[in-house]
Amino acid sequence: MQKEVIQRLQRIDHLIRIKGTGSPAQLAKRVGISERSIYGYLNLMKDLGAPIRFCHYRESYYYDEEGGLIISFFPKEERAAGANWQSNFSGAA
C-alpha cells in the first residue's frame, strides 16, 4: 500500500471515531479525494471488519461499537513480550 492510502485510512478512521465526518461529500472534501473514492475506502474498511454506520440525524459516519483501525508493524520481540498484543487491534481508539 502506498503511504497516502494509509494516511487516508487513518484520517477517515479518526473522523469516524469523533463522529465528525459529515456527509459523504463533506468527508471527501475533508480527506481531499472524490466522493466515489470515499465509498471505496469505506467499503475497504468494512471488508476489514469495521462496523461503519451512517447517522442521518447527525449526518456523520460512526462505528457501531467502540474501536478503531490500527495499521502498524509489530516486531517479533514486541509481540512476544506480551500475550495480549492482538488485543491492541480490537479495542484501540
PDB file of N, CA and C in Angstrom:
ATOM      1  N   MET A   1       0.845  -1.194   0.000  1.00  0.00           N
ATOM      2  CA  MET A   1       0.000   0.000   0.000  1.00  0.00           C
ATOM      3  C   MET A   1       0.877   1.240   0.000  1.00  0.00           C
ATOM      4  N   GLN A   2       0.410   2.237  -0.624  1.00  0.00           N
ATOM      5  CA  GLN A   2       1.129   3.494  -0.625  1.00  0.00           C
ATOM      6  C   GLN A   2       0.858   4.250   0.657  1.00  0.00           C
ATOM      7  N   LYS A   3       1.806   5.082   1.032  1.00  0.00           N
ATOM      8  CA  LYS A   3       1.694   5.866   2.258  1.00  0.00           C
ATOM      9  C   LYS A   3       0.425   6.724   2.266  1.00  0.00           C
ATOM     10  N   GLU A   4       0.055   7.279   1.105  1.00  0.00           N
ATOM     11  CA  GLU A   4      -1.140   8.126   1.015  1.00  0.00           C
ATOM     12  C   GLU A   4      -2.407   7.357   1.362  1.00  0.00           C
ATOM     13  N   VAL A   5      -2.473   6.111   0.937  1.00  0.00           N
ATOM     14  CA  VAL A   5      -3.650   5.281   1.220  1.00  0.00           C
ATOM     15  C   VAL A   5      -3.767   5.064   2.725  1.00  0.00           C
ATOM     16  N   ILE A   6      -2.659   4.746   3.362  1.00  0.00           N
ATOM     17  CA  ILE A   6      -2.672   4.517   4.807  1.00  0.00           C
ATOM     18  C   ILE A   6      -3.040   5.802   5.538  1.00  0.00           C
ATOM     19  N   GLN A   7      -2.483   6.927   5.104  1.00  0.00           N
ATOM     20  CA  GLN A   7      -2.814   8.200   5.746  1.00  0.00           C
ATOM     21  C   GLN A   7      -4.300   8.530   5.598  1.00  0.00           C
ATOM     22  N   ARG A   8      -4.857   8.237   4.441  1.00  0.00           N
ATOM     23  CA  ARG A   8      -6.297   8.489   4.241  1.00  0.00           C
ATOM     24  C   ARG A   8      -7.135   7.593   5.133  1.00  0.00           C
ATOM     25  N   LEU A   9      -6.760   6.313   5.218  1.00  0.00           N
ATOM     26  CA  LEU A   9      -7.491   5.396   6.103  1.00  0.00           C
ATOM     27  C   LEU A   9      -7.443   5.883   7.539  1.00  0.00           C
ATOM     28  N   GLN A  10      -6.272   6.339   7.972  1.00  0.00           N
ATOM     29  CA  GLN A  10      -6.137   6.841   9.341  1.00  0.00           C
ATOM     30  C   GLN A  10      -6.970   8.100   9.552  1.00  0.00           C
ATOM     31  N   ARG A  11      -6.998   8.983   8.570  1.00  0.00           N
ATOM     32  CA  ARG A  11      -7.792  10.221   8.675  1.00  0.00           C
ATOM     33  C   ARG A  11      -9.284   9.896   8.731  1.00  0.00           C
ATOM     34  N   ILE A  12      -9.732   9.013   7.859  1.00  0.00           N
ATOM     35  CA  ILE A  12     -11.147   8.621   7.851  1.00  0.00           C
ATOM     36  C   ILE A  12     -11.508   7.958   9.172  1.00  0.00           C
ATOM     37  N   ASP A  13     -10.649   7.063   9.658  1.00  0.00           N
ATOM     38  CA  ASP A  13     -10.881   6.402  10.943  1.00  0.00           C
ATOM     39  C   ASP A  13     -11.025   7.432  12.058  1.00  0.00           C
ATOM     40  N   HIS A  14     -10.127   8.400  12.101  1.00  0.00           N
ATOM     41  CA  HIS A  14     -10.184   9.431  13.145  1.00  0.00           C
ATOM     42  C   HIS A  14     -11.509  10.202  13.082  1.00  0.00           C
ATOM     43  N   LEU A  15     -11.891  10.612  11.880  1.00  0.00           N
ATOM     44  CA  LEU A  15     -13.139  11.367  11.736  1.00  0.00           C
ATOM     45  C   LEU A  15     -14.355  10.524  12.111  1.00  0.00           C
ATOM     46  N   ILE A  16     -14.319   9.238  11.804  1.00  0.00           N
ATOM     47  CA  ILE A  16     -15.423   8.361  12.195  1.00  0.00           C
ATOM     48  C   ILE A  16     -15.476   8.235  13.712  1.00  0.00           C
ATOM     49  N   ARG A  17     -14.303   8.050  14.352  1.00  0.00           N
ATOM     50  CA  ARG A  17     -14.285   7.884  15.813  1.00  0.00           C
ATOM     51  C   ARG A  17     -14.809   9.109  16.546  1.00  0.00           C
ATOM     52  N   ILE A  18     -14.564  10.296  16.007  1.00  0.00           N
ATOM     53  CA  ILE A  18     -15.061  11.513  16.666  1.00  0.00           C
ATOM     54  C   ILE A  18     -16.426  11.941  16.115  1.00  0.00           C
ATOM     55  N   LYS A  19     -16.981  11.099  15.233  1.00  0.00           N
ATOM     56  CA  LYS A  19     -18.290  11.379  14.614  1.00  0.00           C
ATOM     57  C   LYS A  19     -18.289  12.745  13.944  1.00  0.00           C
ATOM     58  N   GLY A  20     -17.209  13.010  13.215  1.00  0.00           N
ATOM     59  CA  GLY A  20     -17.056  14.300  12.558  1.00  0.00           C
ATOM     60  C   GLY A  20     -16.850  14.197  11.062  1.00  0.00           C
ATOM     61  N   THR A  21     -17.455  13.192  10.450  1.00  0.00           N
ATOM     62  CA  THR A  21     -17.256  13.011   9.012  1.00  0.00           C
ATOM     63  C   THR A  21     -18.118  13.939   8.179  1.00  0.00           C
ATOM     64  N   GLY A  22     -19.322  14.219   8.653  1.00  0.00           N
ATOM     65  CA  GLY A  22     -20.283  14.921   7.819  1.00  0.00           C
ATOM     66  C   GLY A  22     -20.816  13.962   6.766  1.00  0.00           C
ATOM     67  N   SER A  23     -21.441  14.524   5.766  1.00  0.00           N
ATOM     68  CA  SER A  23     -21.999  13.723   4.668  1.00  0.00           C
ATOM     69  C   SER A  23     -20.850  13.098   3.872  1.00  0.00           C
ATOM     70  N   PRO A  24     -21.153  12.148   2.990  1.00  0.00           N
ATOM     71  CA  PRO A  24     -20.096  11.592   2.145  1.00  0.00           C
ATOM     72  C   PRO A  24     -19.351  12.670   1.356  1.00  0.00           C
ATOM     73  N   ALA A  25     -20.071  13.665   0.849  1.00  0.00           N
ATOM     74  CA  ALA A  25     -19.426  14.751   0.101  1.00  0.00           C
ATOM     75  C   ALA A  25     -18.505  15.576   1.005  1.00  0.00           C
ATOM     76  N   GLN A  26     -18.966  15.847   2.223  1.00  0.00           N
ATOM     77  CA  GLN A  26     -18.145  16.604   3.172  1.00  0.00           C
ATOM     78  C   GLN A  26     -16.911  15.799   3.585  1.00  0.00           C
ATOM     79  N   LEU A  27     -17.093  14.504   3.803  1.00  0.00           N
ATOM     80  CA  LEU A  27     -15.971  13.650   4.171  1.00  0.00           C
ATOM     81  C   LEU A  27     -14.937  13.625   3.047  1.00  0.00           C
ATOM     82  N   ALA A  28     -15.409  13.510   1.822  1.00  0.00           N
ATOM     83  CA  ALA A  28     -14.495  13.511   0.670  1.00  0.00           C
ATOM     84  C   ALA A  28     -13.685  14.802   0.634  1.00  0.00           C
ATOM     85  N   LYS A  29     -14.339  15.915   0.888  1.00  0.00           N
ATOM     86  CA  LYS A  29     -13.645  17.208   0.888  1.00  0.00           C
ATOM     87  C   LYS A  29     -12.624  17.273   2.026  1.00  0.00           C
ATOM     88  N   ARG A  30     -12.991  16.764   3.200  1.00  0.00           N
ATOM     89  CA  ARG A  30     -12.085  16.789   4.356  1.00  0.00           C
ATOM     90  C   ARG A  30     -10.840  15.928   4.117  1.00  0.00           C
ATOM     91  N   VAL A  31     -11.013  14.848   3.389  1.00  0.00           N
ATOM     92  CA  VAL A  31      -9.893  13.933   3.128  1.00  0.00           C
ATOM     93  C   VAL A  31      -9.135  14.339   1.855  1.00  0.00           C
ATOM     94  N   GLY A  32      -9.786  15.105   0.992  1.00  0.00           N
ATOM     95  CA  GLY A  32      -9.140  15.575  -0.220  1.00  0.00           C
ATOM     96  C   GLY A  32      -9.203  14.597  -1.380  1.00  0.00           C
ATOM     97  N   ILE A  33     -10.302  13.833  -1.430  1.00  0.00           N
ATOM     98  CA  ILE A  33     -10.497  12.866  -2.513  1.00  0.00           C
ATOM     99  C   ILE A  33     -11.943  12.976  -3.004  1.00  0.00           C
ATOM    100  N   SER A  34     -12.255  12.245  -4.059  1.00  0.00           N
ATOM    101  CA  SER A  34     -13.609  12.291  -4.606  1.00  0.00           C
ATOM    102  C   SER A  34     -14.590  11.520  -3.714  1.00  0.00           C
ATOM    103  N   GLU A  35     -15.847  11.850  -3.866  1.00  0.00           N
ATOM    104  CA  GLU A  35     -16.889  11.145  -3.114  1.00  0.00           C
ATOM    105  C   GLU A  35     -16.914   9.666  -3.497  1.00  0.00           C
ATOM    106  N   ARG A  36     -16.698   9.379  -4.755  1.00  0.00           N
ATOM    107  CA  ARG A  36     -16.649   7.986  -5.200  1.00  0.00           C
ATOM    108  C   ARG A  36     -15.520   7.226  -4.495  1.00  0.00           C
ATOM    109  N   SER A  37     -14.368   7.888  -4.337  1.00  0.00           N
ATOM    110  CA  SER A  37     -13.241   7.258  -3.632  1.00  0.00           C
ATOM    111  C   SER A  37     -13.570   7.017  -2.160  1.00  0.00           C
ATOM    112  N   ILE A  38     -14.332   7.930  -1.560  1.00  0.00           N
ATOM    113  CA  ILE A  38     -14.723   7.750  -0.151  1.00  0.00           C
ATOM    114  C   ILE A  38     -15.482   6.447   0.009  1.00  0.00           C
ATOM    115  N   TYR A  39     -16.406   6.177  -0.909  1.00  0.00           N
ATOM    116  CA  TYR A  39     -17.161   4.927  -0.821  1.00  0.00           C
ATOM    117  C   TYR A  39     -16.234   3.725  -0.950  1.00  0.00           C
ATOM    118  N   GLY A  40     -15.215   3.834  -1.770  1.00  0.00           N
ATOM    119  CA  GLY A  40     -14.239   2.752  -1.896  1.00  0.00           C
ATOM    120  C   GLY A  40     -13.480   2.517  -0.598  1.00  0.00           C
ATOM    121  N   TYR A  41     -13.055   3.606   0.052  1.00  0.00           N
ATOM    122  CA  TYR A  41     -12.355   3.480   1.327  1.00  0.00           C
ATOM    123  C   TYR A  41     -13.276   2.909   2.406  1.00  0.00           C
ATOM    124  N   LEU A  42     -14.506   3.396   2.460  1.00  0.00           N
ATOM    125  CA  LEU A  42     -15.452   2.886   3.455  1.00  0.00           C
ATOM    126  C   LEU A  42     -15.722   1.396   3.243  1.00  0.00           C
ATOM    127  N   ASN A  43     -15.855   0.989   1.988  1.00  0.00           N
ATOM    128  CA  ASN A  43     -16.055  -0.435   1.699  1.00  0.00           C
ATOM    129  C   ASN A  43     -14.839  -1.259   2.089  1.00  0.00           C
ATOM    130  N   LEU A  44     -13.639  -0.738   1.840  1.00  0.00           N
ATOM    131  CA  LEU A  44     -12.419  -1.425   2.260  1.00  0.00           C
ATOM    132  C   LEU A  44     -12.391  -1.590   3.776  1.00  0.00           C
ATOM    133  N   MET A  45     -12.716  -0.525   4.497  1.00  0.00           N
ATOM    134  CA  MET A  45     -12.733  -0.584   5.959  1.00  0.00           C
ATOM    135  C   MET A  45     -13.764  -1.601   6.446  1.00  0.00           C
ATOM    136  N   LYS A  46     -14.923  -1.637   5.793  1.00  0.00           N
ATOM    137  CA  LYS A  46     -15.949  -2.625   6.161  1.00  0.00           C
ATOM    138  C   LYS A  46     -15.454  -4.036   5.876  1.00  0.00           C
ATOM    139  N   ASP A  47     -14.751  -4.223   4.753  1.00  0.00           N
ATOM    140  CA  ASP A  47     -14.184  -5.537   4.432  1.00  0.00           C
ATOM    141  C   ASP A  47     -13.165  -5.975   5.482  1.00  0.00           C
ATOM    142  N   LEU A  48     -12.506  -4.991   6.113  1.00  0.00           N
ATOM    143  CA  LEU A  48     -11.535  -5.290   7.172  1.00  0.00           C
ATOM    144  C   LEU A  48     -12.211  -5.513   8.525  1.00  0.00           C
ATOM    145  N   GLY A  49     -13.540  -5.386   8.555  1.00  0.00           N
ATOM    146  CA  GLY A  49     -14.293  -5.672   9.777  1.00  0.00           C
ATOM    147  C   GLY A  49     -14.801  -4.460  10.528  1.00  0.00           C
ATOM    148  N   ALA A  50     -14.586  -3.264  10.002  1.00  0.00           N
ATOM    149  CA  ALA A  50     -15.045  -2.062  10.694  1.00  0.00           C
ATOM    150  C   ALA A  50     -16.574  -1.962  10.606  1.00  0.00           C
ATOM    151  N   PRO A  51     -17.247  -1.853  11.762  1.00  0.00           N
ATOM    152  CA  PRO A  51     -18.720  -1.778  11.777  1.00  0.00           C
ATOM    153  C   PRO A  51     -19.204  -0.344  11.539  1.00  0.00           C
ATOM    154  N   ILE A  52     -19.049   0.130  10.316  1.00  0.00           N
ATOM    155  CA  ILE A  52     -19.360   1.519   9.985  1.00  0.00           C
ATOM    156  C   ILE A  52     -20.845   1.673   9.669  1.00  0.00           C
ATOM    157  N   ARG A  53     -21.451   2.691  10.265  1.00  0.00           N
ATOM    158  CA  ARG A  53     -22.846   3.033  10.022  1.00  0.00           C
ATOM    159  C   ARG A  53     -22.931   4.533   9.745  1.00  0.00           C
ATOM    160  N   PHE A  54     -24.059   4.978   9.215  1.00  0.00           N
ATOM    161  CA  PHE A  54     -24.277   6.403   8.984  1.00  0.00           C
ATOM    162  C   PHE A  54     -25.485   6.859   9.773  1.00  0.00           C
ATOM    163  N   CYS A  55     -25.330   7.939  10.532  1.00  0.00           N
ATOM    164  CA  CYS A  55     -26.429   8.523  11.303  1.00  0.00           C
ATOM    165  C   CYS A  55     -26.989   9.699  10.504  1.00  0.00           C
ATOM    166  N   HIS A  56     -28.235   9.576  10.055  1.00  0.00           N
ATOM    167  CA  HIS A  56     -28.851  10.640   9.272  1.00  0.00           C
ATOM    168  C   HIS A  56     -29.159  11.864  10.135  1.00  0.00           C
ATOM    169  N   TYR A  57     -29.401  11.664  11.416  1.00  0.00           N
ATOM    170  CA  TYR A  57     -29.680  12.780  12.316  1.00  0.00           C
ATOM    171  C   TYR A  57     -28.440  13.654  12.492  1.00  0.00           C
ATOM    172  N   ARG A  58     -27.304  13.019  12.793  1.00  0.00           N
ATOM    173  CA  ARG A  58     -26.046  13.751  12.985  1.00  0.00           C
ATOM    174  C   ARG A  58     -25.311  14.014  11.682  1.00  0.00           C
ATOM    175  N   GLU A  59     -25.754  13.354  10.623  1.00  0.00           N
ATOM    176  CA  GLU A  59     -25.092  13.421   9.326  1.00  0.00           C
ATOM    177  C   GLU A  59     -23.609  13.104   9.470  1.00  0.00           C
ATOM    178  N   SER A  60     -23.339  11.937  10.023  1.00  0.00           N
ATOM    179  CA  SER A  60     -21.955  11.511  10.218  1.00  0.00           C
ATOM    180  C   SER A  60     -21.881   9.994  10.265  1.00  0.00           C
ATOM    181  N   TYR A  61     -20.758   9.481   9.794  1.00  0.00           N
ATOM    182  CA  TYR A  61     -20.476   8.058   9.963  1.00  0.00           C
ATOM    183  C   TYR A  61     -20.018   7.836  11.389  1.00  0.00           C
ATOM    184  N   TYR A  62     -20.213   6.625  11.870  1.00  0.00           N
ATOM    185  CA  TYR A  62     -19.763   6.253  13.208  1.00  0.00           C
ATOM    186  C   TYR A  62     -19.519   4.747  13.222  1.00  0.00           C
ATOM    187  N   TYR A  63     -18.791   4.297  14.243  1.00  0.00           N
ATOM    188  CA  TYR A  63     -18.601   2.861  14.441  1.00  0.00           C
ATOM    189  C   TYR A  63     -19.727   2.351  15.327  1.00  0.00           C
ATOM    190  N   ASP A  64     -20.297   1.216  14.954  1.00  0.00           N
ATOM    191  CA  ASP A  64     -21.392   0.607  15.695  1.00  0.00           C
ATOM    192  C   ASP A  64     -20.931   0.060  17.048  1.00  0.00           C
ATOM    193  N   GLU A  65     -19.630  -0.084  17.224  1.00  0.00           N
ATOM    194  CA  GLU A  65     -19.066  -0.475  18.516  1.00  0.00           C
ATOM    195  C   GLU A  65     -17.762   0.279  18.690  1.00  0.00           C
ATOM    196  N   GLU A  66     -17.334   0.445  19.946  1.00  0.00           N
ATOM    197  CA  GLU A  66     -16.125   1.202  20.223  1.00  0.00           C
ATOM    198  C   GLU A  66     -14.903   0.487  19.650  1.00  0.00           C
ATOM    199  N   GLY A  67     -14.043   1.246  19.033  1.00  0.00           N
ATOM    200  CA  GLY A  67     -12.833   0.676  18.446  1.00  0.00           C
ATOM    201  C   GLY A  67     -12.276   1.597  17.394  1.00  0.00           C
ATOM    202  N   GLY A  68     -11.294   1.107  16.686  1.00  0.00           N
ATOM    203  CA  GLY A  68     -10.673   1.898  15.644  1.00  0.00           C
ATOM    204  C   GLY A  68      -9.726   1.060  14.825  1.00  0.00           C
ATOM    205  N   LEU A  69      -9.302   1.612  13.739  1.00  0.00           N
ATOM    206  CA  LEU A  69      -8.401   0.932  12.820  1.00  0.00           C
ATOM    207  C   LEU A  69      -6.965   1.132  13.283  1.00  0.00           C
ATOM    208  N   ILE A  70      -6.169   0.071  13.259  1.00  0.00           N
ATOM    209  CA  ILE A  70      -4.738   0.172  13.553  1.00  0.00           C
ATOM    210  C   ILE A  70      -3.989  -0.414  12.369  1.00  0.00           C
ATOM    211  N   ILE A  71      -3.103   0.391  11.824  1.00  0.00           N
ATOM    212  CA  ILE A  71      -2.271  -0.071  10.722  1.00  0.00           C
ATOM    213  C   ILE A  71      -0.834   0.103  11.183  1.00  0.00           C
ATOM    214  N   SER A  72      -0.237  -0.973  11.668  1.00  0.00           N
ATOM    215  CA  SER A  72       1.102  -0.902  12.241  1.00  0.00           C
ATOM    216  C   SER A  72       1.850  -2.201  12.035  1.00  0.00           C
ATOM    217  N   PHE A  73       3.145  -2.109  12.213  1.00  0.00           N
ATOM    218  CA  PHE A  73       4.008  -3.277  12.215  1.00  0.00           C
ATOM    219  C   PHE A  73       4.461  -3.501  13.637  1.00  0.00           C
ATOM    220  N   PHE A  74       4.358  -4.744  14.107  1.00  0.00           N
ATOM    221  CA  PHE A  74       4.806  -5.094  15.439  1.00  0.00           C
ATOM    222  C   PHE A  74       5.965  -6.066  15.325  1.00  0.00           C
ATOM    223  N   PRO A  75       7.180  -5.668  15.767  1.00  0.00           N
ATOM    224  CA  PRO A  75       8.323  -6.586  15.720  1.00  0.00           C
ATOM    225  C   PRO A  75       8.048  -7.832  16.552  1.00  0.00           C
ATOM    226  N   LYS A  76       8.698  -8.915  16.179  1.00  0.00           N
ATOM    227  CA  LYS A  76       8.511 -10.192  16.864  1.00  0.00           C
ATOM    228  C   LYS A  76       8.747 -10.058  18.370  1.00  0.00           C
ATOM    229  N   GLU A  77       9.783  -9.320  18.758  1.00  0.00           N
ATOM    230  CA  GLU A  77      10.094  -9.151  20.182  1.00  0.00           C
ATOM    231  C   GLU A  77       8.959  -8.476  20.932  1.00  0.00           C
ATOM    232  N   GLU A  78       8.355  -7.492  20.296  1.00  0.00           N
ATOM    233  CA  GLU A  78       7.254  -6.773  20.932  1.00  0.00           C
ATOM    234  C   GLU A  78       6.037  -7.670  21.090  1.00  0.00           C
ATOM    235  N   ARG A  79       5.767  -8.491  20.083  1.00  0.00           N
ATOM    236  CA  ARG A  79       4.642  -9.413  20.166  1.00  0.00           C
ATOM    237  C   ARG A  79       4.894 -10.454  21.241  1.00  0.00           C
ATOM    238  N   ALA A  80       6.133 -10.941  21.321  1.00  0.00           N
ATOM    239  CA  ALA A  80       6.462 -11.977  22.291  1.00  0.00           C
ATOM    240  C   ALA A  80       6.444 -11.438  23.720  1.00  0.00           C
ATOM    241  N   ALA A  81       6.684 -10.146  23.888  1.00  0.00           N
ATOM    242  CA  ALA A  81       6.750  -9.547  25.222  1.00  0.00           C
ATOM    243  C   ALA A  81       5.407  -9.586  25.936  1.00  0.00           C
ATOM    244  N   GLY A  82       4.325  -9.568  25.198  1.00  0.00           N
ATOM    245  CA  GLY A  82       3.007  -9.591  25.821  1.00  0.00           C
ATOM    246  C   GLY A  82       2.062 -10.466  25.044  1.00  0.00           C
ATOM    247  N   ALA A  83       1.394 -11.349  25.741  1.00  0.00           N
ATOM    248  CA  ALA A  83       0.463 -12.260  25.071  1.00  0.00           C
ATOM    249  C   ALA A  83      -0.744 -11.518  24.525  1.00  0.00           C
ATOM    250  N   ASN A  84      -0.970 -10.290  24.982  1.00  0.00           N
ATOM    251  CA  ASN A  84      -2.159  -9.550  24.573  1.00  0.00           C
ATOM    252  C   ASN A  84      -1.913  -8.625  23.389  1.00  0.00           C
ATOM    253  N   TRP A  85      -0.852  -8.823  22.635  1.00  0.00           N
ATOM    254  CA  TRP A  85      -0.561  -7.907  21.539  1.00  0.00           C
ATOM    255  C   TRP A  85      -1.696  -7.838  20.536  1.00  0.00           C
ATOM    256  N   GLN A  86      -2.400  -8.959  20.338  1.00  0.00           N
ATOM    257  CA  GLN A  86      -3.511  -8.939  19.391  1.00  0.00           C
ATOM    258  C   GLN A  86      -4.697  -8.134  19.930  1.00  0.00           C
ATOM    259  N   SER A  87      -4.822  -8.040  21.240  1.00  0.00           N
ATOM    260  CA  SER A  87      -5.932  -7.273  21.804  1.00  0.00           C
ATOM    261  C   SER A  87      -5.813  -5.798  21.456  1.00  0.00           C
ATOM    262  N   ASN A  88      -4.601  -5.354  21.092  1.00  0.00           N
ATOM    263  CA  ASN A  88      -4.437  -3.960  20.662  1.00  0.00           C
ATOM    264  C   ASN A  88      -5.293  -3.654  19.453  1.00  0.00           C
ATOM    265  N   PHE A  89      -5.580  -4.662  18.633  1.00  0.00           N
ATOM    266  CA  PHE A  89      -6.342  -4.445  17.426  1.00  0.00           C
ATOM    267  C   PHE A  89      -7.825  -4.327  17.706  1.00  0.00           C
ATOM    268  N   SER A  90      -8.324  -4.936  18.745  1.00  0.00           N
ATOM    269  CA  SER A  90      -9.765  -4.984  18.952  1.00  0.00           C
ATOM    270  C   SER A  90     -10.322  -3.769  19.656  1.00  0.00           C
ATOM    271  N   GLY A  91      -9.589  -3.162  20.564  1.00  0.00           N
ATOM    272  CA  GLY A  91     -10.184  -2.080  21.342  1.00  0.00           C
ATOM    273  C   GLY A  91      -9.498  -0.742  21.222  1.00  0.00           C
ATOM    274  N   ALA A  92      -8.560  -0.609  20.340  1.00  0.00           N
ATOM    275  CA  ALA A  92      -7.850   0.651  20.235  1.00  0.00           C
ATOM    276  C   ALA A  92      -8.725   1.734  19.614  1.00  0.00           C
ATOM    277  N   ALA A  93      -8.528   2.921  20.076  1.00  0.00           N
ATOM    278  CA  ALA A  93      -9.287   4.035  19.509  1.00  0.00           C
ATOM    279  C   ALA A  93      -8.369   5.205  19.248  1.00  0.00           C
TER     280      ALA A  93
END
